[in-house]
Structures are given as C-alpha cells and as structure tokens.
Amino acid sequence: MASTTVAPQTPVDGPDGGPSAGSLTELAALEAARDEKRRLLARAADVARSGNRSLPAGCTADDVPALLQRYYWSEPAAEVLGHEPAELA
C-alpha cells in the first residue's frame, strides 16, 4: 500500500473567523508581481528576437519566450522586476 504524506493546513483567520484580509492582500500582490514578471519576460523575448542577438545553438526565435520563462522561473519576481528587457534578454 502506497503511503502519502499530507501537510496540515495552517489557516489564517481574520477577526470574524474568515480568511485574513492581510493574507489575501499579500497573495494578490504576489500574483500581480508574477504577472508583471511574465509581461517583462515577454518584452525581453521580443528584444532578444529582434536585432542581431545570437541565440543559443539549436534555439530558434520561436523558442525564446519559453527559454526566458524557463531561465528565470526560479527567480522571485522582485529580483527580475526593475531590470530592462534588454538586460534580461
């Protein structure tokens, strides 16, 4: 029989017993930062595909958006935001 591990949930309740507004606000802010990161990386891909930039061997211009998303996937949005698209490309 396979064993599964289930992590207990740690609910964050607000004063009325519902979800904490602070946690929802924080989640919304994180999601907004992730969306901005995606848009910035899309602009970086456009920069990388235009001009005379050399691409990695075996990589086509159509591969660039996925390549940049993969390259920066583990970077927190806060580390990526604030850079110019050309820097990221």
C-alpha atoms as a PDB file:
ATOM      1  CA  MET A   1       0.000   0.000   0.000  1.00  0.00           C
ATOM      2  CA  ALA A   2       1.388   3.376  -1.025  1.00  0.00           C
ATOM      3  CA  SER A   3       1.935   5.928   1.675  1.00  0.00           C
ATOM      4  CA  THR A   4       1.063   9.570   1.232  1.00  0.00           C
ATOM      5  CA  THR A   5       2.071  12.478   3.375  1.00  0.00           C
ATOM      6  CA  VAL A   6      -0.407  15.256   3.880  1.00  0.00           C
ATOM      7  CA  ALA A   7       0.814  18.540   5.309  1.00  0.00           C
ATOM      8  CA  PRO A   8      -1.611  20.073   7.753  1.00  0.00           C
ATOM      9  CA  GLN A   9      -3.124  23.345   6.693  1.00  0.00           C
ATOM     10  CA  THR A  10      -2.431  26.381   8.796  1.00  0.00           C
ATOM     11  CA  PRO A  11      -5.408  28.637   8.268  1.00  0.00           C
ATOM     12  CA  VAL A  12      -5.006  32.346   8.741  1.00  0.00           C
ATOM     13  CA  ASP A  13      -8.278  33.613  10.146  1.00  0.00           C
ATOM     14  CA  GLY A  14      -9.367  37.183  10.353  1.00  0.00           C
ATOM     15  CA  PRO A  15     -11.160  38.697  13.326  1.00  0.00           C
ATOM     16  CA  ASP A  16     -14.536  37.456  12.064  1.00  0.00           C
ATOM     17  CA  GLY A  17     -13.292  33.886  11.648  1.00  0.00           C
ATOM     18  CA  GLY A  18     -12.991  34.221   7.867  1.00  0.00           C
ATOM     19  CA  PRO A  19      -9.795  34.474   5.849  1.00  0.00           C
ATOM     20  CA  SER A  20      -7.441  37.234   6.910  1.00  0.00           C
ATOM     21  CA  ALA A  21      -7.601  40.271   4.626  1.00  0.00           C
ATOM     22  CA  GLY A  22      -3.854  40.657   5.042  1.00  0.00           C
ATOM     23  CA  SER A  23      -3.146  37.228   3.628  1.00  0.00           C
ATOM     24  CA  LEU A  24      -5.485  37.822   0.681  1.00  0.00           C
ATOM     25  CA  THR A  25      -3.808  41.160   0.018  1.00  0.00           C
ATOM     26  CA  GLU A  26      -0.386  39.537   0.145  1.00  0.00           C
ATOM     27  CA  LEU A  27      -1.477  36.800  -2.258  1.00  0.00           C
ATOM     28  CA  ALA A  28      -2.915  39.387  -4.638  1.00  0.00           C
ATOM     29  CA  ALA A  29       0.346  41.352  -4.509  1.00  0.00           C
ATOM     30  CA  LEU A  30       2.390  38.219  -5.234  1.00  0.00           C
ATOM     31  CA  GLU A  31       0.165  37.303  -8.162  1.00  0.00           C
ATOM     32  CA  ALA A  32       0.392  40.850  -9.534  1.00  0.00           C
ATOM     33  CA  ALA A  33       4.199  40.688  -9.308  1.00  0.00           C
ATOM     34  CA  ARG A  34       4.209  37.318 -11.115  1.00  0.00           C
ATOM     35  CA  ASP A  35       2.034  38.767 -13.873  1.00  0.00           C
ATOM     36  CA  GLU A  36       4.346  41.752 -14.236  1.00  0.00           C
ATOM     37  CA  LYS A  37       7.321  39.371 -14.375  1.00  0.00           C
ATOM     38  CA  ARG A  38       5.618  37.420 -17.199  1.00  0.00           C
ATOM     39  CA  ARG A  39       4.955  40.643 -19.136  1.00  0.00           C
ATOM     40  CA  LEU A  40       8.537  41.828 -18.634  1.00  0.00           C
ATOM     41  CA  LEU A  41       9.924  38.498 -19.837  1.00  0.00           C
ATOM     42  CA  ALA A  42       7.653  38.673 -22.894  1.00  0.00           C
ATOM     43  CA  ARG A  43       9.121  42.100 -23.686  1.00  0.00           C
ATOM     44  CA  ALA A  44      12.619  40.675 -23.143  1.00  0.00           C
ATOM     45  CA  ALA A  45      11.814  37.883 -25.604  1.00  0.00           C
ATOM     46  CA  ASP A  46      10.747  40.480 -28.175  1.00  0.00           C
ATOM     47  CA  VAL A  47      14.049  42.285 -27.668  1.00  0.00           C
ATOM     48  CA  ALA A  48      16.012  39.039 -27.969  1.00  0.00           C
ATOM     49  CA  ARG A  49      14.224  38.077 -31.191  1.00  0.00           C
ATOM     50  CA  SER A  50      14.779  41.470 -32.780  1.00  0.00           C
ATOM     51  CA  GLY A  51      18.114  42.853 -33.717  1.00  0.00           C
ATOM     52  CA  ASN A  52      21.334  40.952 -34.156  1.00  0.00           C
ATOM     53  CA  ARG A  53      21.366  38.939 -30.971  1.00  0.00           C
ATOM     54  CA  SER A  54      22.843  35.491 -31.241  1.00  0.00           C
ATOM     55  CA  LEU A  55      20.667  32.677 -29.929  1.00  0.00           C
ATOM     56  CA  PRO A  56      21.899  29.524 -28.221  1.00  0.00           C
ATOM     57  CA  ALA A  57      22.670  26.614 -30.537  1.00  0.00           C
ATOM     58  CA  GLY A  58      19.519  24.788 -31.556  1.00  0.00           C
ATOM     59  CA  CYS A  59      17.296  27.643 -30.398  1.00  0.00           C
ATOM     60  CA  THR A  60      15.030  29.433 -32.845  1.00  0.00           C
ATOM     61  CA  ALA A  61      13.354  32.809 -32.407  1.00  0.00           C
ATOM     62  CA  ASP A  62      10.102  30.978 -31.612  1.00  0.00           C
ATOM     63  CA  ASP A  63      11.828  29.246 -28.666  1.00  0.00           C
ATOM     64  CA  VAL A  64      12.969  32.469 -26.987  1.00  0.00           C
ATOM     65  CA  PRO A  65       9.855  33.222 -24.874  1.00  0.00           C
ATOM     66  CA  ALA A  66       9.855  29.723 -23.362  1.00  0.00           C
ATOM     67  CA  LEU A  67      13.631  29.832 -22.908  1.00  0.00           C
ATOM     68  CA  LEU A  68      13.461  33.067 -20.915  1.00  0.00           C
ATOM     69  CA  GLN A  69      10.497  31.855 -18.846  1.00  0.00           C
ATOM     70  CA  ARG A  70      12.431  28.683 -18.036  1.00  0.00           C
ATOM     71  CA  TYR A  71      15.680  30.529 -17.309  1.00  0.00           C
ATOM     72  CA  TYR A  72      14.050  32.947 -14.867  1.00  0.00           C
ATOM     73  CA  TRP A  73      11.354  30.643 -13.427  1.00  0.00           C
ATOM     74  CA  SER A  74      13.015  30.254 -10.023  1.00  0.00           C
ATOM     75  CA  GLU A  75      13.923  33.906  -9.664  1.00  0.00           C
ATOM     76  CA  PRO A  76      11.492  35.787  -7.435  1.00  0.00           C
ATOM     77  CA  ALA A  77       9.592  38.480  -9.289  1.00  0.00           C
ATOM     78  CA  ALA A  78      11.237  41.100  -7.080  1.00  0.00           C
ATOM     79  CA  GLU A  79      14.639  40.075  -8.458  1.00  0.00           C
ATOM     80  CA  VAL A  80      13.540  40.340 -12.090  1.00  0.00           C
ATOM     81  CA  LEU A  81      11.361  43.448 -11.942  1.00  0.00           C
ATOM     82  CA  GLY A  82      13.240  46.679 -12.297  1.00  0.00           C
ATOM     83  CA  HIS A  83      15.547  45.346 -14.990  1.00  0.00           C
ATOM     84  CA  GLU A  84      15.301  46.467 -18.569  1.00  0.00           C
ATOM     85  CA  PRO A  85      14.082  43.880 -21.086  1.00  0.00           C
ATOM     86  CA  ALA A  86      17.411  44.105 -22.911  1.00  0.00           C
ATOM     87  CA  GLU A  87      19.284  43.214 -19.708  1.00  0.00           C
ATOM     88  CA  LEU A  88      17.127  40.141 -19.217  1.00  0.00           C
ATOM     89  CA  ALA A  89      17.458  39.106 -22.858  1.00  0.00           C
END
